[in-house]
Amino acid sequence: MRKISIIDYITDYAKDRYYFNIQDLRKYFARNSIEYTEENLKQSIYRMKLDKIIYESGRGWYSKIKEEFVLDKHPIEKIIKLINKDFPFLEFSCWCTEQLKAFFHHLPSQFVTFIYSDKDFLVSLKDFLENNN
C-alpha cells in the first residue's frame, strides 16, 4: 500500500475549496493528527505550485483557480496620475467600486474610490483632491 504524502493531504483538503490559507491547513493537519514538518509542508506547496496543482493567491493564500483576477485600471487612472503628479514620493494604493461593476447584481448610481496611504498624509491628500474636484 502506498504511503499517503503531505501533497495527498493538501490535495484532499483543497478539493472542495476555491481558496485556502496555510494557517487553516496547519489547523486541519493538527485536527486530523497528520504529522508533518514545516519544511516538508513548504516543499510540498512549492512542488504543487510548480506542477500547477495550486496557485499562489498572496500572503499565505493558495487557490485551485488558474486565472488571476485582474482589475480594470481605467476608472482610477486619472486620479492616480493626478496624485503622482503633485505627490511623486507618496506611497499609496487606490481602487474603485467601478472596477467591480461586472460583479454587481445592481449597479450603484455612484461609485466610490478608496485611497490608502500613510495617515500623516491623508489630510493633505484630502485637501488636494477636494481642490481638484
N, C-alpha and C. Protein backbone atom coordinates (compact mmCIF):
# COMPACT_ATOMS: atom_id res chain seq x y z
N MET A 1 0.84 -1.19 0.00
CA MET A 1 0.00 0.00 0.00
C MET A 1 0.88 1.25 0.00
N ARG A 2 0.51 2.21 -0.80
CA ARG A 2 1.27 3.45 -0.94
C ARG A 2 1.06 4.33 0.29
N LYS A 3 2.17 4.93 0.74
CA LYS A 3 2.11 5.84 1.88
C LYS A 3 1.50 7.17 1.43
N ILE A 4 0.61 7.72 2.24
CA ILE A 4 -0.03 8.99 1.89
C ILE A 4 0.94 10.13 2.18
N SER A 5 1.16 10.97 1.19
CA SER A 5 2.11 12.08 1.34
C SER A 5 1.40 13.35 1.77
N ILE A 6 2.20 14.33 2.15
CA ILE A 6 1.66 15.64 2.53
C ILE A 6 0.90 16.23 1.34
N ILE A 7 1.41 16.02 0.13
CA ILE A 7 0.74 16.53 -1.07
C ILE A 7 -0.66 15.92 -1.19
N ASP A 8 -0.79 14.65 -0.88
CA ASP A 8 -2.11 14.00 -0.92
C ASP A 8 -3.06 14.63 0.09
N TYR A 9 -2.54 14.90 1.29
CA TYR A 9 -3.37 15.54 2.32
C TYR A 9 -3.79 16.94 1.89
N ILE A 10 -2.86 17.69 1.31
CA ILE A 10 -3.18 19.05 0.86
C ILE A 10 -4.22 18.99 -0.26
N THR A 11 -4.04 18.06 -1.19
CA THR A 11 -5.00 17.90 -2.30
C THR A 11 -6.38 17.56 -1.76
N ASP A 12 -6.44 16.66 -0.78
CA ASP A 12 -7.72 16.30 -0.18
C ASP A 12 -8.35 17.50 0.53
N TYR A 13 -7.54 18.27 1.24
CA TYR A 13 -8.04 19.45 1.95
C TYR A 13 -8.58 20.49 0.97
N ALA A 14 -7.89 20.68 -0.15
CA ALA A 14 -8.23 21.74 -1.09
C ALA A 14 -9.32 21.35 -2.09
N LYS A 15 -9.71 20.08 -2.13
CA LYS A 15 -10.62 19.63 -3.19
C LYS A 15 -11.97 20.35 -3.21
N ASP A 16 -12.48 20.76 -2.06
CA ASP A 16 -13.78 21.44 -2.03
C ASP A 16 -13.66 22.92 -1.66
N ARG A 17 -12.47 23.48 -1.86
CA ARG A 17 -12.24 24.90 -1.55
C ARG A 17 -11.66 25.60 -2.78
N TYR A 18 -12.16 26.80 -3.04
CA TYR A 18 -11.54 27.61 -4.10
C TYR A 18 -10.24 28.23 -3.59
N TYR A 19 -10.26 28.65 -2.33
CA TYR A 19 -9.10 29.27 -1.70
C TYR A 19 -8.86 28.64 -0.34
N PHE A 20 -7.61 28.62 0.07
CA PHE A 20 -7.28 28.19 1.43
C PHE A 20 -6.00 28.87 1.84
N ASN A 21 -5.82 29.02 3.16
CA ASN A 21 -4.57 29.61 3.62
C ASN A 21 -3.78 28.60 4.43
N ILE A 22 -2.52 28.88 4.57
CA ILE A 22 -1.61 27.92 5.18
C ILE A 22 -1.91 27.71 6.66
N GLN A 23 -2.43 28.74 7.35
CA GLN A 23 -2.77 28.58 8.77
C GLN A 23 -3.93 27.58 8.93
N ASP A 24 -4.93 27.69 8.07
CA ASP A 24 -6.05 26.74 8.13
C ASP A 24 -5.60 25.33 7.78
N LEU A 25 -4.65 25.23 6.88
CA LEU A 25 -4.09 23.92 6.51
C LEU A 25 -3.37 23.31 7.71
N ARG A 26 -2.62 24.11 8.43
CA ARG A 26 -1.94 23.61 9.64
C ARG A 26 -2.97 23.14 10.69
N LYS A 27 -4.06 23.90 10.85
CA LYS A 27 -5.12 23.50 11.80
C LYS A 27 -5.76 22.18 11.37
N TYR A 28 -5.97 22.03 10.07
CA TYR A 28 -6.52 20.78 9.52
C TYR A 28 -5.59 19.61 9.85
N PHE A 29 -4.30 19.81 9.67
CA PHE A 29 -3.33 18.77 9.99
C PHE A 29 -3.37 18.43 11.48
N ALA A 30 -3.45 19.44 12.34
CA ALA A 30 -3.49 19.21 13.79
C ALA A 30 -4.77 18.47 14.18
N ARG A 31 -5.92 18.89 13.63
CA ARG A 31 -7.20 18.25 13.93
C ARG A 31 -7.21 16.78 13.55
N ASN A 32 -6.54 16.47 12.45
CA ASN A 32 -6.55 15.11 11.93
C ASN A 32 -5.29 14.32 12.31
N SER A 33 -4.50 14.87 13.23
CA SER A 33 -3.28 14.21 13.72
C SER A 33 -2.34 13.81 12.58
N ILE A 34 -2.19 14.69 11.62
CA ILE A 34 -1.30 14.45 10.48
C ILE A 34 0.06 15.01 10.85
N GLU A 35 1.06 14.15 10.86
CA GLU A 35 2.41 14.59 11.22
C GLU A 35 3.08 15.18 9.99
N TYR A 36 3.74 16.31 10.21
CA TYR A 36 4.45 17.00 9.13
C TYR A 36 5.50 17.90 9.75
N THR A 37 6.43 18.32 8.92
CA THR A 37 7.38 19.34 9.34
C THR A 37 7.10 20.59 8.52
N GLU A 38 7.50 21.72 9.07
CA GLU A 38 7.29 22.98 8.33
C GLU A 38 8.00 22.92 6.99
N GLU A 39 9.19 22.36 6.98
CA GLU A 39 9.97 22.27 5.74
C GLU A 39 9.26 21.40 4.72
N ASN A 40 8.72 20.27 5.18
CA ASN A 40 8.00 19.36 4.28
C ASN A 40 6.75 20.03 3.73
N LEU A 41 6.03 20.75 4.59
CA LEU A 41 4.82 21.46 4.15
C LEU A 41 5.16 22.49 3.07
N LYS A 42 6.17 23.29 3.33
CA LYS A 42 6.55 24.33 2.36
C LYS A 42 7.06 23.73 1.06
N GLN A 43 7.83 22.64 1.14
CA GLN A 43 8.32 21.98 -0.07
C GLN A 43 7.16 21.38 -0.87
N SER A 44 6.20 20.82 -0.16
CA SER A 44 5.04 20.22 -0.84
C SER A 44 4.22 21.28 -1.56
N ILE A 45 3.99 22.41 -0.89
CA ILE A 45 3.26 23.51 -1.52
C ILE A 45 4.04 24.03 -2.73
N TYR A 46 5.35 24.16 -2.58
CA TYR A 46 6.20 24.62 -3.68
C TYR A 46 6.08 23.67 -4.88
N ARG A 47 6.15 22.35 -4.62
CA ARG A 47 6.03 21.37 -5.71
C ARG A 47 4.66 21.43 -6.38
N MET A 48 3.63 21.62 -5.56
CA MET A 48 2.27 21.71 -6.11
C MET A 48 2.10 22.95 -6.98
N LYS A 49 2.76 24.05 -6.60
CA LYS A 49 2.72 25.27 -7.44
C LYS A 49 3.47 25.03 -8.74
N LEU A 50 4.62 24.38 -8.67
CA LEU A 50 5.39 24.09 -9.89
C LEU A 50 4.60 23.19 -10.83
N ASP A 51 3.89 22.22 -10.27
CA ASP A 51 3.10 21.28 -11.08
C ASP A 51 1.74 21.86 -11.48
N LYS A 52 1.50 23.10 -11.07
CA LYS A 52 0.26 23.82 -11.39
C LYS A 52 -0.98 23.08 -10.87
N ILE A 53 -0.84 22.53 -9.68
CA ILE A 53 -1.98 21.92 -8.99
C ILE A 53 -2.70 22.99 -8.18
N ILE A 54 -1.89 23.85 -7.56
CA ILE A 54 -2.43 25.01 -6.85
C ILE A 54 -1.68 26.25 -7.33
N TYR A 55 -2.26 27.41 -7.05
CA TYR A 55 -1.68 28.67 -7.49
C TYR A 55 -1.63 29.62 -6.30
N GLU A 56 -0.60 30.44 -6.26
CA GLU A 56 -0.45 31.39 -5.17
C GLU A 56 -1.44 32.53 -5.31
N SER A 57 -2.07 32.88 -4.20
CA SER A 57 -3.02 33.99 -4.19
C SER A 57 -2.53 35.15 -3.34
N GLY A 58 -1.35 35.01 -2.74
CA GLY A 58 -0.74 36.09 -1.97
C GLY A 58 -0.87 35.92 -0.47
N ARG A 59 0.18 36.27 0.23
CA ARG A 59 0.23 36.30 1.70
C ARG A 59 -0.25 35.01 2.37
N GLY A 60 0.28 33.88 1.92
CA GLY A 60 -0.06 32.61 2.55
C GLY A 60 -1.36 32.00 2.07
N TRP A 61 -1.98 32.57 1.04
CA TRP A 61 -3.22 32.04 0.49
C TRP A 61 -2.92 31.33 -0.83
N TYR A 62 -3.67 30.27 -1.07
CA TYR A 62 -3.49 29.47 -2.28
C TYR A 62 -4.87 29.17 -2.88
N SER A 63 -4.86 28.83 -4.17
CA SER A 63 -6.11 28.60 -4.86
C SER A 63 -5.96 27.51 -5.90
N LYS A 64 -7.08 26.90 -6.26
CA LYS A 64 -7.10 25.96 -7.38
C LYS A 64 -7.46 26.70 -8.67
N ILE A 65 -7.77 27.98 -8.58
CA ILE A 65 -8.18 28.77 -9.74
C ILE A 65 -6.94 29.26 -10.47
N LYS A 66 -6.83 28.90 -11.73
CA LYS A 66 -5.64 29.21 -12.52
C LYS A 66 -5.58 30.68 -12.93
N GLU A 67 -6.73 31.23 -13.35
CA GLU A 67 -6.74 32.59 -13.87
C GLU A 67 -6.63 33.61 -12.73
N GLU A 68 -5.72 34.54 -12.90
CA GLU A 68 -5.55 35.60 -11.91
C GLU A 68 -6.59 36.68 -12.15
N PHE A 69 -7.17 37.19 -11.07
CA PHE A 69 -8.16 38.25 -11.17
C PHE A 69 -7.45 39.57 -11.48
N VAL A 70 -7.86 40.21 -12.56
CA VAL A 70 -7.24 41.47 -12.97
C VAL A 70 -8.32 42.56 -12.99
N LEU A 71 -8.05 43.63 -12.28
CA LEU A 71 -8.99 44.75 -12.24
C LEU A 71 -8.76 45.68 -13.42
N ASP A 72 -9.83 46.27 -13.92
CA ASP A 72 -9.75 47.29 -14.96
C ASP A 72 -9.19 48.56 -14.33
N LYS A 73 -8.06 49.03 -14.79
CA LYS A 73 -7.41 50.21 -14.20
C LYS A 73 -7.96 51.53 -14.73
N HIS A 74 -8.75 51.48 -15.76
CA HIS A 74 -9.24 52.70 -16.40
C HIS A 74 -9.96 53.65 -15.43
N PRO A 75 -10.87 53.17 -14.57
CA PRO A 75 -11.60 54.10 -13.69
C PRO A 75 -10.72 54.89 -12.71
N ILE A 76 -9.52 54.40 -12.42
CA ILE A 76 -8.69 55.11 -11.44
C ILE A 76 -7.44 55.74 -12.05
N GLU A 77 -7.24 55.61 -13.35
CA GLU A 77 -6.04 56.15 -13.98
C GLU A 77 -5.90 57.65 -13.77
N LYS A 78 -6.99 58.39 -13.94
CA LYS A 78 -6.94 59.85 -13.83
C LYS A 78 -6.52 60.29 -12.43
N ILE A 79 -7.11 59.70 -11.41
CA ILE A 79 -6.80 60.11 -10.04
C ILE A 79 -5.37 59.70 -9.65
N ILE A 80 -4.91 58.56 -10.14
CA ILE A 80 -3.54 58.13 -9.86
C ILE A 80 -2.53 59.07 -10.49
N LYS A 81 -2.78 59.46 -11.74
CA LYS A 81 -1.88 60.42 -12.41
C LYS A 81 -1.87 61.76 -11.68
N LEU A 82 -3.03 62.20 -11.25
CA LEU A 82 -3.16 63.47 -10.53
C LEU A 82 -2.36 63.43 -9.22
N ILE A 83 -2.51 62.37 -8.46
CA ILE A 83 -1.79 62.24 -7.19
C ILE A 83 -0.29 62.10 -7.43
N ASN A 84 0.10 61.29 -8.39
CA ASN A 84 1.53 61.10 -8.68
C ASN A 84 2.20 62.39 -9.14
N LYS A 85 1.44 63.22 -9.84
CA LYS A 85 1.99 64.49 -10.34
C LYS A 85 2.34 65.43 -9.18
N ASP A 86 1.45 65.57 -8.20
CA ASP A 86 1.68 66.51 -7.11
C ASP A 86 2.33 65.88 -5.87
N PHE A 87 2.27 64.58 -5.74
CA PHE A 87 2.88 63.87 -4.62
C PHE A 87 3.74 62.73 -5.16
N PRO A 88 4.84 63.03 -5.85
CA PRO A 88 5.60 62.00 -6.53
C PRO A 88 6.23 60.94 -5.61
N PHE A 89 6.46 61.25 -4.34
CA PHE A 89 7.10 60.30 -3.44
C PHE A 89 6.11 59.64 -2.47
N LEU A 90 4.85 59.93 -2.62
CA LEU A 90 3.83 59.38 -1.74
C LEU A 90 3.54 57.92 -2.11
N GLU A 91 3.61 57.05 -1.12
CA GLU A 91 3.24 55.66 -1.33
C GLU A 91 1.76 55.53 -1.02
N PHE A 92 1.00 55.04 -1.99
CA PHE A 92 -0.43 54.89 -1.80
C PHE A 92 -0.94 53.77 -2.69
N SER A 93 -2.12 53.31 -2.37
CA SER A 93 -2.82 52.37 -3.24
C SER A 93 -4.23 52.89 -3.44
N CYS A 94 -4.82 52.49 -4.54
CA CYS A 94 -6.11 53.06 -4.92
C CYS A 94 -6.93 52.02 -5.66
N TRP A 95 -8.22 51.98 -5.35
CA TRP A 95 -9.14 51.16 -6.11
C TRP A 95 -10.51 51.81 -6.06
N CYS A 96 -11.39 51.36 -6.93
CA CYS A 96 -12.70 51.97 -7.05
C CYS A 96 -13.76 50.89 -7.21
N THR A 97 -14.94 51.15 -6.67
CA THR A 97 -16.02 50.18 -6.80
C THR A 97 -16.43 49.99 -8.26
N GLU A 98 -16.13 50.99 -9.10
CA GLU A 98 -16.45 50.85 -10.54
C GLU A 98 -15.66 49.70 -11.16
N GLN A 99 -14.50 49.39 -10.60
CA GLN A 99 -13.70 48.30 -11.12
C GLN A 99 -14.38 46.94 -10.91
N LEU A 100 -15.34 46.88 -10.02
CA LEU A 100 -16.04 45.64 -9.71
C LEU A 100 -17.44 45.57 -10.30
N LYS A 101 -17.79 46.54 -11.12
CA LYS A 101 -19.18 46.63 -11.59
C LYS A 101 -19.65 45.40 -12.37
N ALA A 102 -18.74 44.67 -12.97
CA ALA A 102 -19.14 43.47 -13.70
C ALA A 102 -19.65 42.38 -12.76
N PHE A 103 -19.36 42.52 -11.47
CA PHE A 103 -19.76 41.51 -10.49
C PHE A 103 -20.97 41.94 -9.65
N PHE A 104 -21.46 43.15 -9.87
CA PHE A 104 -22.63 43.65 -9.13
C PHE A 104 -23.91 43.08 -9.72
N HIS A 105 -24.84 42.81 -8.86
CA HIS A 105 -26.17 42.41 -9.34
C HIS A 105 -26.95 43.66 -9.75
N HIS A 106 -26.86 44.71 -8.95
CA HIS A 106 -27.46 46.00 -9.26
C HIS A 106 -26.34 47.04 -9.26
N LEU A 107 -26.28 47.85 -10.29
CA LEU A 107 -25.23 48.86 -10.38
C LEU A 107 -25.58 50.07 -9.51
N PRO A 108 -24.63 50.53 -8.72
CA PRO A 108 -24.90 51.72 -7.93
C PRO A 108 -24.94 52.96 -8.82
N SER A 109 -25.60 54.00 -8.34
CA SER A 109 -25.67 55.23 -9.13
C SER A 109 -24.38 56.03 -9.01
N GLN A 110 -23.63 55.80 -7.95
CA GLN A 110 -22.35 56.47 -7.75
C GLN A 110 -21.32 55.45 -7.31
N PHE A 111 -20.12 55.60 -7.83
CA PHE A 111 -19.03 54.71 -7.45
C PHE A 111 -18.15 55.40 -6.42
N VAL A 112 -17.47 54.62 -5.61
CA VAL A 112 -16.62 55.14 -4.55
C VAL A 112 -15.18 54.75 -4.85
N THR A 113 -14.27 55.71 -4.67
CA THR A 113 -12.85 55.46 -4.85
C THR A 113 -12.19 55.45 -3.48
N PHE A 114 -11.36 54.45 -3.25
CA PHE A 114 -10.64 54.30 -1.99
C PHE A 114 -9.16 54.56 -2.23
N ILE A 115 -8.58 55.37 -1.36
CA ILE A 115 -7.15 55.65 -1.43
C ILE A 115 -6.56 55.33 -0.06
N TYR A 116 -5.57 54.46 -0.06
CA TYR A 116 -4.89 54.08 1.17
C TYR A 116 -3.49 54.67 1.15
N SER A 117 -3.14 55.34 2.24
CA SER A 117 -1.82 55.92 2.37
C SER A 117 -1.49 56.08 3.84
N ASP A 118 -0.30 56.53 4.12
CA ASP A 118 0.10 56.79 5.50
C ASP A 118 -0.83 57.84 6.09
N LYS A 119 -1.28 57.64 7.31
CA LYS A 119 -2.28 58.53 7.89
C LYS A 119 -1.79 59.97 8.04
N ASP A 120 -0.48 60.17 8.09
CA ASP A 120 0.06 61.53 8.20
C ASP A 120 -0.21 62.37 6.95
N PHE A 121 -0.44 61.72 5.82
CA PHE A 121 -0.64 62.43 4.56
C PHE A 121 -2.10 62.55 4.15
N LEU A 122 -2.98 61.91 4.88
CA LEU A 122 -4.38 61.86 4.45
C LEU A 122 -5.07 63.22 4.41
N VAL A 123 -4.78 64.08 5.38
CA VAL A 123 -5.42 65.41 5.39
C VAL A 123 -4.96 66.21 4.18
N SER A 124 -3.66 66.20 3.90
CA SER A 124 -3.14 66.92 2.73
C SER A 124 -3.72 66.35 1.44
N LEU A 125 -3.81 65.05 1.39
CA LEU A 125 -4.35 64.38 0.21
C LEU A 125 -5.83 64.72 0.04
N LYS A 126 -6.58 64.74 1.12
CA LYS A 126 -8.00 65.10 1.07
C LYS A 126 -8.17 66.51 0.55
N ASP A 127 -7.40 67.47 1.09
CA ASP A 127 -7.49 68.85 0.64
C ASP A 127 -7.13 68.98 -0.84
N PHE A 128 -6.09 68.28 -1.26
CA PHE A 128 -5.66 68.30 -2.65
C PHE A 128 -6.77 67.78 -3.57
N LEU A 129 -7.38 66.66 -3.19
CA LEU A 129 -8.44 66.07 -4.01
C LEU A 129 -9.68 66.95 -4.05
N GLU A 130 -10.03 67.58 -2.96
CA GLU A 130 -11.17 68.48 -2.95
C GLU A 130 -10.91 69.67 -3.87
N ASN A 131 -9.70 70.22 -3.84
CA ASN A 131 -9.34 71.34 -4.71
C ASN A 131 -9.35 70.96 -6.19
N ASN A 132 -9.17 69.69 -6.47
CA ASN A 132 -9.15 69.21 -7.86
C ASN A 132 -10.43 68.46 -8.25
N ASN A 133 -11.47 68.72 -7.49
CA ASN A 133 -12.80 68.11 -7.74
C ASN A 133 -12.72 66.59 -7.80
